[in-house]
Amino acid sequence: MYFNAFISPEEMNWVMSGKILVMVILGGVGTIVGPVLGAGMLLLAENWLSSYTERWLLILGLVFVFFVLFAPEGILGIIRGAATKWSKK
């Protein structure tokens, strides 16, 4: 399907748009690297969790809520914060 350099409009539904937003929020808004990290984290988590449990969507939802509440700058913000704390020591 993707190998022919064509993506059907059916692939761009609201679920895919939601996934893209989750990737951006998990990685960190406002940078290029953040959404790439978020996409990698989301895809790895989907594959890993779905192989262990049928309730993987619930776990990913809880992870998303955690990031929205406690890490609003995403993975990149956590990395930046750790780097600044480590460099001050």
PDB file of N, CA and C in Angstrom:
ATOM      1  N   MET A   1       0.823  -1.183   0.000  1.00  0.00           N
ATOM      2  CA  MET A   1       0.000   0.000   0.000  1.00  0.00           C
ATOM      3  C   MET A   1       0.870   1.251   0.000  1.00  0.00           C
ATOM      4  N   TYR A   2       1.826   1.361   0.921  1.00  0.00           N
ATOM      5  CA  TYR A   2       2.676   2.544   0.979  1.00  0.00           C
ATOM      6  C   TYR A   2       3.848   2.453   0.011  1.00  0.00           C
ATOM      7  N   PHE A   3       4.126   1.296  -0.515  1.00  0.00           N
ATOM      8  CA  PHE A   3       5.278   1.113  -1.390  1.00  0.00           C
ATOM      9  C   PHE A   3       5.061   1.703  -2.770  1.00  0.00           C
ATOM     10  N   ASN A   4       3.838   2.007  -3.125  1.00  0.00           N
ATOM     11  CA  ASN A   4       3.533   2.546  -4.447  1.00  0.00           C
ATOM     12  C   ASN A   4       3.558   4.068  -4.473  1.00  0.00           C
ATOM     13  N   ALA A   5       4.048   4.704  -3.402  1.00  0.00           N
ATOM     14  CA  ALA A   5       4.096   6.167  -3.281  1.00  0.00           C
ATOM     15  C   ALA A   5       2.696   6.767  -3.356  1.00  0.00           C
ATOM     16  N   PHE A   6       1.723   6.045  -2.853  1.00  0.00           N
ATOM     17  CA  PHE A   6       0.344   6.524  -2.830  1.00  0.00           C
ATOM     18  C   PHE A   6      -0.290   6.143  -1.506  1.00  0.00           C
ATOM     19  N   ILE A   7      -0.937   7.099  -0.881  1.00  0.00           N
ATOM     20  CA  ILE A   7      -1.677   6.829   0.349  1.00  0.00           C
ATOM     21  C   ILE A   7      -3.129   7.166   0.082  1.00  0.00           C
ATOM     22  N   SER A   8      -3.968   6.225   0.316  1.00  0.00           N
ATOM     23  CA  SER A   8      -5.390   6.415   0.095  1.00  0.00           C
ATOM     24  C   SER A   8      -5.948   7.426   1.099  1.00  0.00           C
ATOM     25  N   PRO A   9      -6.927   8.215   0.699  1.00  0.00           N
ATOM     26  CA  PRO A   9      -7.559   9.148   1.640  1.00  0.00           C
ATOM     27  C   PRO A   9      -8.209   8.435   2.829  1.00  0.00           C
ATOM     28  N   GLU A  10      -8.510   7.158   2.677  1.00  0.00           N
ATOM     29  CA  GLU A  10      -9.095   6.403   3.784  1.00  0.00           C
ATOM     30  C   GLU A  10      -8.133   6.283   4.959  1.00  0.00           C
ATOM     31  N   GLU A  11      -6.829   6.375   4.688  1.00  0.00           N
ATOM     32  CA  GLU A  11      -5.825   6.272   5.751  1.00  0.00           C
ATOM     33  C   GLU A  11      -5.795   7.513   6.637  1.00  0.00           C
ATOM     34  N   MET A  12      -6.256   8.634   6.139  1.00  0.00           N
ATOM     35  CA  MET A  12      -6.210   9.876   6.902  1.00  0.00           C
ATOM     36  C   MET A  12      -7.565  10.128   7.563  1.00  0.00           C
ATOM     37  N   ASN A  13      -7.892   9.308   8.514  1.00  0.00           N
ATOM     38  CA  ASN A  13      -9.135   9.478   9.251  1.00  0.00           C
ATOM     39  C   ASN A  13      -8.846  10.136  10.592  1.00  0.00           C
ATOM     40  N   TRP A  14      -9.844  10.308  11.430  1.00  0.00           N
ATOM     41  CA  TRP A  14      -9.680  11.016  12.691  1.00  0.00           C
ATOM     42  C   TRP A  14      -8.785  10.250  13.660  1.00  0.00           C
ATOM     43  N   VAL A  15      -8.714   8.943  13.540  1.00  0.00           N
ATOM     44  CA  VAL A  15      -7.844   8.172  14.424  1.00  0.00           C
ATOM     45  C   VAL A  15      -6.384   8.499  14.131  1.00  0.00           C
ATOM     46  N   MET A  16      -6.026   8.583  12.870  1.00  0.00           N
ATOM     47  CA  MET A  16      -4.648   8.919  12.507  1.00  0.00           C
ATOM     48  C   MET A  16      -4.316  10.346  12.941  1.00  0.00           C
ATOM     49  N   SER A  17      -5.257  11.262  12.801  1.00  0.00           N
ATOM     50  CA  SER A  17      -5.020  12.635  13.256  1.00  0.00           C
ATOM     51  C   SER A  17      -4.805  12.669  14.766  1.00  0.00           C
ATOM     52  N   GLY A  18      -5.572  11.892  15.499  1.00  0.00           N
ATOM     53  CA  GLY A  18      -5.402  11.810  16.947  1.00  0.00           C
ATOM     54  C   GLY A  18      -4.063  11.221  17.332  1.00  0.00           C
ATOM     55  N   LYS A  19      -3.640  10.201  16.597  1.00  0.00           N
ATOM     56  CA  LYS A  19      -2.331   9.590  16.864  1.00  0.00           C
ATOM     57  C   LYS A  19      -1.206  10.592  16.659  1.00  0.00           C
ATOM     58  N   ILE A  20      -1.318  11.380  15.608  1.00  0.00           N
ATOM     59  CA  ILE A  20      -0.288  12.381  15.332  1.00  0.00           C
ATOM     60  C   ILE A  20      -0.240  13.414  16.448  1.00  0.00           C
ATOM     61  N   LEU A  21      -1.387  13.849  16.940  1.00  0.00           N
ATOM     62  CA  LEU A  21      -1.412  14.794  18.058  1.00  0.00           C
ATOM     63  C   LEU A  21      -0.798  14.185  19.312  1.00  0.00           C
ATOM     64  N   VAL A  22      -1.088  12.927  19.589  1.00  0.00           N
ATOM     65  CA  VAL A  22      -0.504  12.258  20.751  1.00  0.00           C
ATOM     66  C   VAL A  22       1.015  12.167  20.599  1.00  0.00           C
ATOM     67  N   MET A  23       1.497  11.864  19.407  1.00  0.00           N
ATOM     68  CA  MET A  23       2.937  11.803  19.172  1.00  0.00           C
ATOM     69  C   MET A  23       3.598  13.149  19.462  1.00  0.00           C
ATOM     70  N   VAL A  24       2.977  14.215  19.010  1.00  0.00           N
ATOM     71  CA  VAL A  24       3.543  15.550  19.227  1.00  0.00           C
ATOM     72  C   VAL A  24       3.527  15.904  20.708  1.00  0.00           C
ATOM     73  N   ILE A  25       2.441  15.622  21.396  1.00  0.00           N
ATOM     74  CA  ILE A  25       2.345  15.952  22.818  1.00  0.00           C
ATOM     75  C   ILE A  25       3.321  15.121  23.640  1.00  0.00           C
ATOM     76  N   LEU A  26       3.452  13.839  23.330  1.00  0.00           N
ATOM     77  CA  LEU A  26       4.393  12.996  24.075  1.00  0.00           C
ATOM     78  C   LEU A  26       5.833  13.437  23.870  1.00  0.00           C
ATOM     79  N   GLY A  27       6.172  13.811  22.654  1.00  0.00           N
ATOM     80  CA  GLY A  27       7.552  14.177  22.356  1.00  0.00           C
ATOM     81  C   GLY A  27       7.918  15.566  22.817  1.00  0.00           C
ATOM     82  N   GLY A  28       7.030  16.499  22.646  1.00  0.00           N
ATOM     83  CA  GLY A  28       7.297  17.883  23.002  1.00  0.00           C
ATOM     84  C   GLY A  28       6.945  18.801  21.854  1.00  0.00           C
ATOM     85  N   VAL A  29       6.133  19.784  22.151  1.00  0.00           N
ATOM     86  CA  VAL A  29       5.641  20.703  21.133  1.00  0.00           C
ATOM     87  C   VAL A  29       6.682  21.789  20.872  1.00  0.00           C
ATOM     88  N   GLY A  30       6.778  22.234  19.648  1.00  0.00           N
ATOM     89  CA  GLY A  30       7.611  23.375  19.318  1.00  0.00           C
ATOM     90  C   GLY A  30       8.983  23.044  18.783  1.00  0.00           C
ATOM     91  N   THR A  31       9.306  21.786  18.618  1.00  0.00           N
ATOM     92  CA  THR A  31      10.609  21.412  18.064  1.00  0.00           C
ATOM     93  C   THR A  31      10.407  20.372  16.970  1.00  0.00           C
ATOM     94  N   ILE A  32      11.459  20.078  16.263  1.00  0.00           N
ATOM     95  CA  ILE A  32      11.415  19.026  15.254  1.00  0.00           C
ATOM     96  C   ILE A  32      11.706  17.672  15.892  1.00  0.00           C
ATOM     97  N   VAL A  33      12.619  17.658  16.843  1.00  0.00           N
ATOM     98  CA  VAL A  33      13.050  16.403  17.455  1.00  0.00           C
ATOM     99  C   VAL A  33      11.976  15.817  18.368  1.00  0.00           C
ATOM    100  N   GLY A  34      11.212  16.671  19.050  1.00  0.00           N
ATOM    101  CA  GLY A  34      10.197  16.203  19.992  1.00  0.00           C
ATOM    102  C   GLY A  34       9.170  15.266  19.386  1.00  0.00           C
ATOM    103  N   PRO A  35       8.489  15.665  18.321  1.00  0.00           N
ATOM    104  CA  PRO A  35       7.520  14.761  17.711  1.00  0.00           C
ATOM    105  C   PRO A  35       8.131  13.466  17.174  1.00  0.00           C
ATOM    106  N   VAL A  36       9.377  13.530  16.744  1.00  0.00           N
ATOM    107  CA  VAL A  36      10.048  12.305  16.281  1.00  0.00           C
ATOM    108  C   VAL A  36      10.237  11.352  17.460  1.00  0.00           C
ATOM    109  N   LEU A  37      10.666  11.901  18.610  1.00  0.00           N
ATOM    110  CA  LEU A  37      10.787  11.075  19.822  1.00  0.00           C
ATOM    111  C   LEU A  37       9.428  10.535  20.260  1.00  0.00           C
ATOM    112  N   GLY A  38       8.412  11.378  20.192  1.00  0.00           N
ATOM    113  CA  GLY A  38       7.065  10.942  20.556  1.00  0.00           C
ATOM    114  C   GLY A  38       6.546   9.848  19.649  1.00  0.00           C
ATOM    115  N   ALA A  39       6.823   9.960  18.351  1.00  0.00           N
ATOM    116  CA  ALA A  39       6.396   8.929  17.408  1.00  0.00           C
ATOM    117  C   ALA A  39       7.098   7.615  17.704  1.00  0.00           C
ATOM    118  N   GLY A  40       8.398   7.700  17.961  1.00  0.00           N
ATOM    119  CA  GLY A  40       9.139   6.476  18.293  1.00  0.00           C
ATOM    120  C   GLY A  40       8.627   5.838  19.567  1.00  0.00           C
ATOM    121  N   MET A  41       8.373   6.664  20.581  1.00  0.00           N
ATOM    122  CA  MET A  41       7.874   6.132  21.849  1.00  0.00           C
ATOM    123  C   MET A  41       6.498   5.493  21.680  1.00  0.00           C
ATOM    124  N   LEU A  42       5.620   6.172  20.960  1.00  0.00           N
ATOM    125  CA  LEU A  42       4.267   5.649  20.787  1.00  0.00           C
ATOM    126  C   LEU A  42       4.271   4.342  19.997  1.00  0.00           C
ATOM    127  N   LEU A  43       5.015   4.276  18.920  1.00  0.00           N
ATOM    128  CA  LEU A  43       5.035   3.057  18.111  1.00  0.00           C
ATOM    129  C   LEU A  43       5.675   1.886  18.856  1.00  0.00           C
ATOM    130  N   LEU A  44       6.771   2.160  19.565  1.00  0.00           N
ATOM    131  CA  LEU A  44       7.394   1.094  20.358  1.00  0.00           C
ATOM    132  C   LEU A  44       6.465   0.620  21.475  1.00  0.00           C
ATOM    133  N   ALA A  45       5.811   1.567  22.146  1.00  0.00           N
ATOM    134  CA  ALA A  45       4.899   1.196  23.231  1.00  0.00           C
ATOM    135  C   ALA A  45       3.709   0.401  22.703  1.00  0.00           C
ATOM    136  N   GLU A  46       3.166   0.811  21.558  1.00  0.00           N
ATOM    137  CA  GLU A  46       2.051   0.063  20.960  1.00  0.00           C
ATOM    138  C   GLU A  46       2.451  -1.376  20.670  1.00  0.00           C
ATOM    139  N   ASN A  47       3.584  -1.541  20.020  1.00  0.00           N
ATOM    140  CA  ASN A  47       4.022  -2.890  19.653  1.00  0.00           C
ATOM    141  C   ASN A  47       4.346  -3.734  20.881  1.00  0.00           C
ATOM    142  N   TRP A  48       5.037  -3.149  21.830  1.00  0.00           N
ATOM    143  CA  TRP A  48       5.447  -3.899  23.019  1.00  0.00           C
ATOM    144  C   TRP A  48       4.253  -4.241  23.907  1.00  0.00           C
ATOM    145  N   LEU A  49       3.408  -3.245  24.191  1.00  0.00           N
ATOM    146  CA  LEU A  49       2.265  -3.483  25.082  1.00  0.00           C
ATOM    147  C   LEU A  49       1.232  -4.413  24.459  1.00  0.00           C
ATOM    148  N   SER A  50       0.990  -4.275  23.169  1.00  0.00           N
ATOM    149  CA  SER A  50      -0.035  -5.115  22.529  1.00  0.00           C
ATOM    150  C   SER A  50       0.384  -6.575  22.475  1.00  0.00           C
ATOM    151  N   SER A  51       1.668  -6.847  22.610  1.00  0.00           N
ATOM    152  CA  SER A  51       2.095  -8.248  22.631  1.00  0.00           C
ATOM    153  C   SER A  51       1.902  -8.878  24.007  1.00  0.00           C
ATOM    154  N   TYR A  52       1.704  -8.052  25.049  1.00  0.00           N
ATOM    155  CA  TYR A  52       1.542  -8.577  26.399  1.00  0.00           C
ATOM    156  C   TYR A  52       0.109  -8.533  26.922  1.00  0.00           C
ATOM    157  N   THR A  53      -0.683  -7.564  26.482  1.00  0.00           N
ATOM    158  CA  THR A  53      -2.028  -7.426  27.027  1.00  0.00           C
ATOM    159  C   THR A  53      -2.992  -6.896  25.969  1.00  0.00           C
ATOM    160  N   GLU A  54      -4.258  -7.223  26.174  1.00  0.00           N
ATOM    161  CA  GLU A  54      -5.289  -6.707  25.281  1.00  0.00           C
ATOM    162  C   GLU A  54      -5.722  -5.306  25.688  1.00  0.00           C
ATOM    163  N   ARG A  55      -5.334  -4.867  26.859  1.00  0.00           N
ATOM    164  CA  ARG A  55      -5.719  -3.550  27.371  1.00  0.00           C
ATOM    165  C   ARG A  55      -4.609  -2.513  27.163  1.00  0.00           C
ATOM    166  N   TRP A  56      -3.876  -2.648  26.082  1.00  0.00           N
ATOM    167  CA  TRP A  56      -2.763  -1.755  25.820  1.00  0.00           C
ATOM    168  C   TRP A  56      -3.217  -0.321  25.563  1.00  0.00           C
ATOM    169  N   LEU A  57      -4.404  -0.135  25.014  1.00  0.00           N
ATOM    170  CA  LEU A  57      -4.899   1.217  24.781  1.00  0.00           C
ATOM    171  C   LEU A  57      -5.156   1.953  26.090  1.00  0.00           C
ATOM    172  N   LEU A  58      -5.619   1.230  27.104  1.00  0.00           N
ATOM    173  CA  LEU A  58      -5.833   1.829  28.415  1.00  0.00           C
ATOM    174  C   LEU A  58      -4.511   2.295  29.011  1.00  0.00           C
ATOM    175  N   ILE A  59      -3.488   1.478  28.895  1.00  0.00           N
ATOM    176  CA  ILE A  59      -2.172   1.834  29.426  1.00  0.00           C
ATOM    177  C   ILE A  59      -1.613   3.044  28.688  1.00  0.00           C
ATOM    178  N   LEU A  60      -1.738   3.058  27.368  1.00  0.00           N
ATOM    179  CA  LEU A  60      -1.254   4.207  26.604  1.00  0.00           C
ATOM    180  C   LEU A  60      -2.045   5.467  26.950  1.00  0.00           C
ATOM    181  N   GLY A  61      -3.319   5.321  27.209  1.00  0.00           N
ATOM    182  CA  GLY A  61      -4.126   6.466  27.631  1.00  0.00           C
ATOM    183  C   GLY A  61      -3.662   7.022  28.964  1.00  0.00           C
ATOM    184  N   LEU A  62      -3.320   6.137  29.896  1.00  0.00           N
ATOM    185  CA  LEU A  62      -2.811   6.583  31.196  1.00  0.00           C
ATOM    186  C   LEU A  62      -1.449   7.266  31.049  1.00  0.00           C
ATOM    187  N   VAL A  63      -0.610   6.744  30.182  1.00  0.00           N
ATOM    188  CA  VAL A  63       0.688   7.377  29.921  1.00  0.00           C
ATOM    189  C   VAL A  63       0.476   8.769  29.325  1.00  0.00           C
ATOM    190  N   PHE A  64      -0.466   8.894  28.415  1.00  0.00           N
ATOM    191  CA  PHE A  64      -0.774  10.185  27.806  1.00  0.00           C
ATOM    192  C   PHE A  64      -1.251  11.177  28.858  1.00  0.00           C
ATOM    193  N   VAL A  65      -2.157  10.751  29.733  1.00  0.00           N
ATOM    194  CA  VAL A  65      -2.653  11.624  30.795  1.00  0.00           C
ATOM    195  C   VAL A  65      -1.509  12.033  31.721  1.00  0.00           C
ATOM    196  N   PHE A  66      -0.614  11.094  32.041  1.00  0.00           N
ATOM    197  CA  PHE A  66       0.544  11.411  32.876  1.00  0.00           C
ATOM    198  C   PHE A  66       1.388  12.516  32.237  1.00  0.00           C
ATOM    199  N   PHE A  67       1.661  12.395  30.944  1.00  0.00           N
ATOM    200  CA  PHE A  67       2.476  13.394  30.264  1.00  0.00           C
ATOM    201  C   PHE A  67       1.778  14.744  30.225  1.00  0.00           C
ATOM    202  N   VAL A  68       0.480  14.754  30.002  1.00  0.00           N
ATOM    203  CA  VAL A  68      -0.248  16.025  29.954  1.00  0.00           C
ATOM    204  C   VAL A  68      -0.223  16.711  31.318  1.00  0.00           C
ATOM    205  N   LEU A  69      -0.380  15.938  32.396  1.00  0.00           N
ATOM    206  CA  LEU A  69      -0.432  16.525  33.729  1.00  0.00           C
ATOM    207  C   LEU A  69       0.942  16.842  34.311  1.00  0.00           C
ATOM    208  N   PHE A  70       1.896  15.933  34.175  1.00  0.00           N
ATOM    209  CA  PHE A  70       3.151  16.054  34.897  1.00  0.00           C
ATOM    210  C   PHE A  70       4.367  16.391  34.028  1.00  0.00           C
ATOM    211  N   ALA A  71       4.265  16.238  32.740  1.00  0.00           N
ATOM    212  CA  ALA A  71       5.379  16.564  31.846  1.00  0.00           C
ATOM    213  C   ALA A  71       4.839  17.268  30.606  1.00  0.00           C
ATOM    214  N   PRO A  72       4.339  18.497  30.767  1.00  0.00           N
ATOM    215  CA  PRO A  72       3.712  19.164  29.626  1.00  0.00           C
ATOM    216  C   PRO A  72       4.677  19.490  28.486  1.00  0.00           C
ATOM    217  N   GLU A  73       5.973  19.462  28.745  1.00  0.00           N
ATOM    218  CA  GLU A  73       6.937  19.703  27.674  1.00  0.00           C
ATOM    219  C   GLU A  73       7.359  18.415  26.985  1.00  0.00           C
ATOM    220  N   GLY A  74       6.789  17.280  27.383  1.00  0.00           N
ATOM    221  CA  GLY A  74       7.037  16.011  26.724  1.00  0.00           C
ATOM    222  C   GLY A  74       8.378  15.387  27.075  1.00  0.00           C
ATOM    223  N   ILE A  75       8.748  14.397  26.285  1.00  0.00           N
ATOM    224  CA  ILE A  75       9.994  13.668  26.505  1.00  0.00           C
ATOM    225  C   ILE A  75      11.188  14.610  26.386  1.00  0.00           C
ATOM    226  N   LEU A  76      11.144  15.494  25.417  1.00  0.00           N
ATOM    227  CA  LEU A  76      12.251  16.427  25.215  1.00  0.00           C
ATOM    228  C   LEU A  76      12.419  17.344  26.416  1.00  0.00           C
ATOM    229  N   GLY A  77      11.330  17.753  27.027  1.00  0.00           N
ATOM    230  CA  GLY A  77      11.411  18.571  28.235  1.00  0.00           C
ATOM    231  C   GLY A  77      12.026  17.816  29.398  1.00  0.00           C
ATOM    232  N   ILE A  78      11.708  16.536  29.525  1.00  0.00           N
ATOM    233  CA  ILE A  78      12.308  15.712  30.572  1.00  0.00           C
ATOM    234  C   ILE A  78      13.812  15.574  30.340  1.00  0.00           C
ATOM    235  N   ILE A  79      14.192  15.352  29.096  1.00  0.00           N
ATOM    236  CA  ILE A  79      15.619  15.211  28.763  1.00  0.00           C
ATOM    237  C   ILE A  79      16.356  16.519  29.022  1.00  0.00           C
ATOM    238  N   ARG A  80      15.762  17.635  28.616  1.00  0.00           N
ATOM    239  CA  ARG A  80      16.397  18.939  28.849  1.00  0.00           C
ATOM    240  C   ARG A  80      16.538  19.223  30.342  1.00  0.00           C
ATOM    241  N   GLY A  81      15.500  18.924  31.109  1.00  0.00           N
ATOM    242  CA  GLY A  81      15.564  19.146  32.554  1.00  0.00           C
ATOM    243  C   GLY A  81      16.637  18.303  33.215  1.00  0.00           C
ATOM    244  N   ALA A  82      16.739  17.055  32.817  1.00  0.00           N
ATOM    245  CA  ALA A  82      17.767  16.177  33.378  1.00  0.00           C
ATOM    246  C   ALA A  82      19.156  16.658  32.973  1.00  0.00           C
ATOM    247  N   ALA A  83      19.302  17.142  31.740  1.00  0.00           N
ATOM    248  CA  ALA A  83      20.604  17.612  31.276  1.00  0.00           C
ATOM    249  C   ALA A  83      21.038  18.860  32.032  1.00  0.00           C
ATOM    250  N   THR A  84      20.119  19.769  32.308  1.00  0.00           N
ATOM    251  CA  THR A  84      20.495  20.977  33.048  1.00  0.00           C
ATOM    252  C   THR A  84      20.825  20.648  34.504  1.00  0.00           C
ATOM    253  N   LYS A  85      20.089  19.724  35.111  1.00  0.00           N
ATOM    254  CA  LYS A  85      20.401  19.331  36.482  1.00  0.00           C
ATOM    255  C   LYS A  85      21.750  18.623  36.545  1.00  0.00           C
ATOM    256  N   TRP A  86      22.036  17.804  35.552  1.00  0.00           N
ATOM    257  CA  TRP A  86      23.283  17.053  35.542  1.00  0.00           C
ATOM    258  C   TRP A  86      24.477  17.963  35.269  1.00  0.00           C
ATOM    259  N   SER A  87      24.273  18.984  34.409  1.00  0.00           N
ATOM    260  CA  SER A  87      25.384  19.875  34.082  1.00  0.00           C
ATOM    261  C   SER A  87      25.718  20.834  35.219  1.00  0.00           C
ATOM    262  N   LYS A  88      24.782  21.098  36.130  1.00  0.00           N
ATOM    263  CA  LYS A  88      25.028  21.991  37.269  1.00  0.00           C
ATOM    264  C   LYS A  88      25.832  21.304  38.360  1.00  0.00           C
ATOM    265  N   LYS A  89      25.890  19.988  38.365  1.00  0.00           N
ATOM    266  CA  LYS A  89      26.617  19.270  39.416  1.00  0.00           C
ATOM    267  C   LYS A  89      28.085  19.286  39.194  1.00  0.00           C
TER     268      LYS A  89
END
